[in-house]
Amino acid sequence: MSRKKVYVAGAYSGPDVTAIMGNMRRGLRLSAEALKNGFSVYCPWADALLHFQQEFTLEECYDYSMPWLEASDAVLVVRENWEQSRGTQAELARAKELGIPIFWNIADLLYWRDRQ
């Protein structure tokens, strides 16, 4: 069985540094959990490392991450704060347009994969 490509979506930005760090921690944790369960993962929160080298605008981040979503087999959503994230809302809308399945927890994602 080949590895399924999973785009992990969720809130990144927030009203202050504490909120941003919390969003990043949750996103990184869920991405690592998916990776440990045998998925190939795109983790937007890991892109923070790119910002140490070159600053990117929010629009640039959206532009370069969307092709990864479009090439994914599934989307896994960090449930906390996703409703406040315009980026996550756009990602979920695009996944729906393309018929890419969206999952809200690892258990459902694993169930789906194991039935492929």
N, C-alpha and C. Protein backbone atom coordinates (compact mmCIF):
# COMPACT_ATOMS: atom_id res chain seq x y z
N MET A 1 0.85 -1.17 0.00
CA MET A 1 0.00 0.00 0.00
C MET A 1 0.90 1.24 0.00
N SER A 2 0.63 2.15 -0.92
CA SER A 2 1.41 3.38 -0.95
C SER A 2 0.90 4.35 0.10
N ARG A 3 1.80 5.21 0.54
CA ARG A 3 1.42 6.21 1.56
C ARG A 3 0.44 7.21 0.98
N LYS A 4 -0.57 7.51 1.74
CA LYS A 4 -1.53 8.54 1.35
C LYS A 4 -0.96 9.90 1.74
N LYS A 5 -1.16 10.87 0.86
CA LYS A 5 -0.70 12.24 1.10
C LYS A 5 -1.80 13.00 1.83
N VAL A 6 -1.44 13.56 2.99
CA VAL A 6 -2.42 14.26 3.83
C VAL A 6 -1.96 15.70 4.06
N TYR A 7 -2.85 16.62 3.77
CA TYR A 7 -2.63 18.03 4.05
C TYR A 7 -3.28 18.32 5.39
N VAL A 8 -2.51 18.81 6.35
CA VAL A 8 -3.06 19.13 7.66
C VAL A 8 -3.41 20.61 7.66
N ALA A 9 -4.68 20.91 7.89
CA ALA A 9 -5.18 22.28 7.85
C ALA A 9 -5.60 22.73 9.24
N GLY A 10 -5.46 24.01 9.48
CA GLY A 10 -5.91 24.55 10.76
C GLY A 10 -5.42 25.97 10.95
N ALA A 11 -5.87 26.57 12.02
CA ALA A 11 -5.49 27.95 12.31
C ALA A 11 -3.98 28.04 12.53
N TYR A 12 -3.41 29.12 12.04
CA TYR A 12 -1.98 29.40 12.22
C TYR A 12 -1.84 30.71 12.98
N SER A 13 -2.34 31.78 12.42
CA SER A 13 -2.20 33.09 13.05
C SER A 13 -3.18 33.22 14.22
N GLY A 14 -3.03 34.29 14.97
CA GLY A 14 -3.88 34.54 16.11
C GLY A 14 -3.71 35.96 16.60
N PRO A 15 -4.45 36.34 17.62
CA PRO A 15 -4.42 37.72 18.10
C PRO A 15 -3.13 38.10 18.83
N ASP A 16 -2.39 37.10 19.30
CA ASP A 16 -1.13 37.39 20.00
C ASP A 16 -0.18 36.19 19.87
N VAL A 17 1.02 36.36 20.37
CA VAL A 17 2.04 35.32 20.23
C VAL A 17 1.62 34.03 20.93
N THR A 18 0.98 34.14 22.06
CA THR A 18 0.54 32.95 22.78
C THR A 18 -0.45 32.14 21.95
N ALA A 19 -1.39 32.81 21.32
CA ALA A 19 -2.37 32.12 20.48
C ALA A 19 -1.69 31.49 19.26
N ILE A 20 -0.78 32.21 18.65
CA ILE A 20 -0.05 31.68 17.49
C ILE A 20 0.73 30.43 17.87
N MET A 21 1.44 30.51 18.99
CA MET A 21 2.23 29.35 19.43
C MET A 21 1.33 28.16 19.76
N GLY A 22 0.18 28.41 20.34
CA GLY A 22 -0.77 27.33 20.62
C GLY A 22 -1.27 26.68 19.34
N ASN A 23 -1.60 27.50 18.35
CA ASN A 23 -2.04 26.96 17.06
C ASN A 23 -0.93 26.14 16.41
N MET A 24 0.28 26.66 16.47
CA MET A 24 1.41 25.93 15.88
C MET A 24 1.63 24.61 16.60
N ARG A 25 1.59 24.63 17.92
CA ARG A 25 1.80 23.40 18.70
C ARG A 25 0.76 22.34 18.32
N ARG A 26 -0.51 22.74 18.26
CA ARG A 26 -1.56 21.77 17.90
C ARG A 26 -1.38 21.25 16.47
N GLY A 27 -1.03 22.13 15.53
CA GLY A 27 -0.83 21.71 14.15
C GLY A 27 0.36 20.78 13.99
N LEU A 28 1.46 21.11 14.65
CA LEU A 28 2.64 20.25 14.60
C LEU A 28 2.37 18.90 15.24
N ARG A 29 1.65 18.91 16.35
CA ARG A 29 1.34 17.65 17.06
C ARG A 29 0.48 16.74 16.19
N LEU A 30 -0.57 17.29 15.56
CA LEU A 30 -1.44 16.47 14.72
C LEU A 30 -0.69 15.99 13.48
N SER A 31 0.15 16.85 12.92
CA SER A 31 0.95 16.44 11.75
C SER A 31 1.89 15.30 12.11
N ALA A 32 2.53 15.39 13.26
CA ALA A 32 3.45 14.32 13.69
C ALA A 32 2.68 13.02 13.93
N GLU A 33 1.49 13.13 14.49
CA GLU A 33 0.67 11.94 14.73
C GLU A 33 0.30 11.27 13.40
N ALA A 34 -0.06 12.07 12.41
CA ALA A 34 -0.39 11.51 11.09
C ALA A 34 0.85 10.86 10.46
N LEU A 35 1.99 11.51 10.59
CA LEU A 35 3.24 10.96 10.05
C LEU A 35 3.57 9.63 10.73
N LYS A 36 3.44 9.57 12.04
CA LYS A 36 3.71 8.33 12.78
C LYS A 36 2.76 7.21 12.39
N ASN A 37 1.59 7.57 11.89
CA ASN A 37 0.60 6.57 11.47
C ASN A 37 0.74 6.20 9.99
N GLY A 38 1.84 6.62 9.36
CA GLY A 38 2.14 6.14 8.02
C GLY A 38 1.69 7.02 6.87
N PHE A 39 1.32 8.25 7.14
CA PHE A 39 0.91 9.17 6.08
C PHE A 39 2.09 10.05 5.68
N SER A 40 2.09 10.49 4.43
CA SER A 40 3.00 11.56 3.99
C SER A 40 2.26 12.86 4.23
N VAL A 41 2.87 13.75 5.00
CA VAL A 41 2.15 14.90 5.54
C VAL A 41 2.72 16.22 5.03
N TYR A 42 1.81 17.13 4.66
CA TYR A 42 2.20 18.53 4.46
C TYR A 42 1.75 19.27 5.72
N CYS A 43 2.70 19.88 6.41
CA CYS A 43 2.46 20.55 7.68
C CYS A 43 2.77 22.04 7.52
N PRO A 44 1.76 22.90 7.34
CA PRO A 44 2.02 24.33 7.14
C PRO A 44 2.78 24.99 8.29
N TRP A 45 2.64 24.48 9.50
CA TRP A 45 3.30 25.10 10.64
C TRP A 45 4.82 24.92 10.60
N ALA A 46 5.29 23.91 9.90
CA ALA A 46 6.74 23.72 9.74
C ALA A 46 7.33 24.82 8.86
N ASP A 47 6.48 25.50 8.09
CA ASP A 47 6.95 26.59 7.23
C ASP A 47 7.47 27.78 8.03
N ALA A 48 7.19 27.81 9.31
CA ALA A 48 7.72 28.90 10.15
C ALA A 48 9.24 28.96 10.03
N LEU A 49 9.86 27.83 9.82
CA LEU A 49 11.32 27.80 9.66
C LEU A 49 11.78 28.56 8.43
N LEU A 50 10.95 28.58 7.39
CA LEU A 50 11.30 29.33 6.19
C LEU A 50 11.36 30.83 6.48
N HIS A 51 10.54 31.28 7.41
CA HIS A 51 10.48 32.71 7.72
C HIS A 51 11.74 33.21 8.40
N PHE A 52 12.53 32.30 8.96
CA PHE A 52 13.82 32.71 9.52
C PHE A 52 14.79 33.11 8.42
N GLN A 53 14.57 32.60 7.22
CA GLN A 53 15.44 32.87 6.09
C GLN A 53 14.94 34.01 5.21
N GLN A 54 13.63 34.08 5.06
CA GLN A 54 13.01 35.04 4.15
C GLN A 54 11.59 35.29 4.63
N GLU A 55 11.20 36.52 4.75
CA GLU A 55 9.83 36.80 5.18
C GLU A 55 8.87 36.64 4.01
N PHE A 56 7.74 35.98 4.28
CA PHE A 56 6.71 35.76 3.27
C PHE A 56 5.44 36.44 3.73
N THR A 57 4.69 36.97 2.78
CA THR A 57 3.39 37.54 3.12
C THR A 57 2.39 36.40 3.30
N LEU A 58 1.28 36.71 3.93
CA LEU A 58 0.23 35.72 4.10
C LEU A 58 -0.27 35.23 2.75
N GLU A 59 -0.40 36.14 1.80
CA GLU A 59 -0.85 35.76 0.45
C GLU A 59 0.14 34.80 -0.22
N GLU A 60 1.43 35.05 -0.05
CA GLU A 60 2.43 34.14 -0.61
C GLU A 60 2.32 32.75 0.02
N CYS A 61 2.08 32.71 1.32
CA CYS A 61 1.91 31.42 1.99
C CYS A 61 0.71 30.66 1.42
N TYR A 62 -0.40 31.36 1.23
CA TYR A 62 -1.58 30.72 0.63
C TYR A 62 -1.26 30.22 -0.78
N ASP A 63 -0.56 31.03 -1.55
CA ASP A 63 -0.25 30.67 -2.94
C ASP A 63 0.64 29.44 -3.05
N TYR A 64 1.61 29.29 -2.15
CA TYR A 64 2.49 28.13 -2.31
C TYR A 64 1.98 26.89 -1.59
N SER A 65 1.05 27.03 -0.65
CA SER A 65 0.56 25.84 0.03
C SER A 65 -0.63 25.19 -0.68
N MET A 66 -1.42 25.96 -1.40
CA MET A 66 -2.61 25.41 -2.05
C MET A 66 -2.29 24.28 -3.04
N PRO A 67 -1.22 24.37 -3.84
CA PRO A 67 -0.92 23.23 -4.71
C PRO A 67 -0.66 21.92 -3.95
N TRP A 68 -0.14 22.03 -2.73
CA TRP A 68 0.06 20.83 -1.91
C TRP A 68 -1.30 20.25 -1.51
N LEU A 69 -2.22 21.09 -1.15
CA LEU A 69 -3.56 20.62 -0.82
C LEU A 69 -4.18 19.95 -2.04
N GLU A 70 -4.06 20.59 -3.19
CA GLU A 70 -4.68 20.08 -4.41
C GLU A 70 -4.10 18.73 -4.83
N ALA A 71 -2.87 18.42 -4.42
CA ALA A 71 -2.23 17.15 -4.75
C ALA A 71 -2.44 16.09 -3.66
N SER A 72 -3.14 16.45 -2.61
CA SER A 72 -3.31 15.54 -1.47
C SER A 72 -4.45 14.56 -1.70
N ASP A 73 -4.34 13.43 -1.00
CA ASP A 73 -5.40 12.43 -1.02
C ASP A 73 -6.49 12.74 0.00
N ALA A 74 -6.11 13.47 1.05
CA ALA A 74 -7.05 13.79 2.12
C ALA A 74 -6.59 15.04 2.85
N VAL A 75 -7.53 15.64 3.58
CA VAL A 75 -7.23 16.79 4.44
C VAL A 75 -7.60 16.39 5.87
N LEU A 76 -6.70 16.69 6.80
CA LEU A 76 -6.93 16.45 8.22
C LEU A 76 -6.95 17.81 8.90
N VAL A 77 -8.00 18.10 9.65
CA VAL A 77 -8.20 19.43 10.22
C VAL A 77 -7.93 19.43 11.73
N VAL A 78 -7.15 20.43 12.15
CA VAL A 78 -7.00 20.70 13.58
C VAL A 78 -8.29 21.39 14.01
N ARG A 79 -9.00 20.78 14.91
CA ARG A 79 -10.35 21.26 15.24
C ARG A 79 -10.36 22.59 15.98
N GLU A 80 -9.39 22.84 16.84
CA GLU A 80 -9.38 24.08 17.62
C GLU A 80 -9.15 25.30 16.74
N ASN A 81 -10.01 26.27 16.85
CA ASN A 81 -9.87 27.59 16.22
C ASN A 81 -10.00 27.61 14.70
N TRP A 82 -10.36 26.52 14.06
CA TRP A 82 -10.39 26.52 12.60
C TRP A 82 -11.45 27.48 12.06
N GLU A 83 -12.52 27.68 12.83
CA GLU A 83 -13.60 28.54 12.35
C GLU A 83 -13.15 29.99 12.19
N GLN A 84 -12.16 30.42 12.97
CA GLN A 84 -11.68 31.79 12.90
C GLN A 84 -10.62 31.99 11.81
N SER A 85 -10.23 30.93 11.15
CA SER A 85 -9.15 31.00 10.18
C SER A 85 -9.69 31.09 8.75
N ARG A 86 -9.48 32.25 8.12
CA ARG A 86 -9.90 32.40 6.72
C ARG A 86 -9.14 31.44 5.83
N GLY A 87 -7.86 31.21 6.15
CA GLY A 87 -7.06 30.28 5.35
C GLY A 87 -7.61 28.87 5.41
N THR A 88 -7.95 28.42 6.60
CA THR A 88 -8.52 27.07 6.74
C THR A 88 -9.85 26.96 6.03
N GLN A 89 -10.67 27.98 6.15
CA GLN A 89 -11.96 27.97 5.45
C GLN A 89 -11.76 27.87 3.94
N ALA A 90 -10.78 28.59 3.40
CA ALA A 90 -10.48 28.51 1.96
C ALA A 90 -9.96 27.13 1.58
N GLU A 91 -9.12 26.55 2.44
CA GLU A 91 -8.59 25.22 2.16
C GLU A 91 -9.70 24.18 2.14
N LEU A 92 -10.60 24.25 3.09
CA LEU A 92 -11.70 23.29 3.13
C LEU A 92 -12.64 23.47 1.94
N ALA A 93 -12.88 24.70 1.56
CA ALA A 93 -13.73 24.95 0.38
C ALA A 93 -13.08 24.36 -0.87
N ARG A 94 -11.77 24.54 -1.01
CA ARG A 94 -11.07 24.00 -2.18
C ARG A 94 -11.09 22.47 -2.17
N ALA A 95 -10.85 21.88 -1.01
CA ALA A 95 -10.89 20.42 -0.92
C ALA A 95 -12.26 19.89 -1.32
N LYS A 96 -13.32 20.56 -0.87
CA LYS A 96 -14.68 20.15 -1.24
C LYS A 96 -14.89 20.27 -2.75
N GLU A 97 -14.41 21.37 -3.34
CA GLU A 97 -14.52 21.55 -4.80
C GLU A 97 -13.88 20.40 -5.55
N LEU A 98 -12.74 19.92 -5.04
CA LEU A 98 -11.97 18.87 -5.72
C LEU A 98 -12.39 17.46 -5.30
N GLY A 99 -13.31 17.35 -4.36
CA GLY A 99 -13.74 16.04 -3.89
C GLY A 99 -12.71 15.34 -3.01
N ILE A 100 -11.83 16.10 -2.39
CA ILE A 100 -10.83 15.54 -1.49
C ILE A 100 -11.50 15.34 -0.13
N PRO A 101 -11.44 14.13 0.41
CA PRO A 101 -12.10 13.89 1.69
C PRO A 101 -11.45 14.68 2.83
N ILE A 102 -12.29 15.14 3.75
CA ILE A 102 -11.86 15.94 4.90
C ILE A 102 -12.14 15.15 6.16
N PHE A 103 -11.13 15.08 7.04
CA PHE A 103 -11.25 14.34 8.29
C PHE A 103 -10.97 15.26 9.46
N TRP A 104 -11.64 14.98 10.58
CA TRP A 104 -11.56 15.82 11.78
C TRP A 104 -10.83 15.13 12.91
N ASN A 105 -10.38 13.88 12.66
CA ASN A 105 -9.58 13.17 13.66
C ASN A 105 -8.81 12.04 12.99
N ILE A 106 -7.79 11.59 13.67
CA ILE A 106 -6.91 10.54 13.14
C ILE A 106 -7.67 9.22 12.96
N ALA A 107 -8.55 8.89 13.91
CA ALA A 107 -9.26 7.61 13.85
C ALA A 107 -10.05 7.48 12.54
N ASP A 108 -10.77 8.53 12.16
CA ASP A 108 -11.54 8.48 10.92
C ASP A 108 -10.62 8.43 9.70
N LEU A 109 -9.50 9.14 9.77
CA LEU A 109 -8.53 9.12 8.67
C LEU A 109 -7.96 7.72 8.50
N LEU A 110 -7.61 7.06 9.59
CA LEU A 110 -7.09 5.70 9.53
C LEU A 110 -8.13 4.72 9.00
N TYR A 111 -9.37 4.86 9.44
CA TYR A 111 -10.46 4.01 8.95
C TYR A 111 -10.58 4.13 7.45
N TRP A 112 -10.58 5.38 6.94
CA TRP A 112 -10.67 5.63 5.51
C TRP A 112 -9.50 4.99 4.76
N ARG A 113 -8.28 5.22 5.27
CA ARG A 113 -7.10 4.67 4.59
C ARG A 113 -7.14 3.15 4.54
N ASP A 114 -7.51 2.53 5.62
CA ASP A 114 -7.48 1.08 5.70
C ASP A 114 -8.55 0.42 4.84
N ARG A 115 -9.50 1.21 4.34
CA ARG A 115 -10.53 0.68 3.45
C ARG A 115 -10.27 0.99 1.98
N GLN A 116 -9.16 1.62 1.70
CA GLN A 116 -8.81 1.96 0.32
C GLN A 116 -8.30 0.75 -0.43
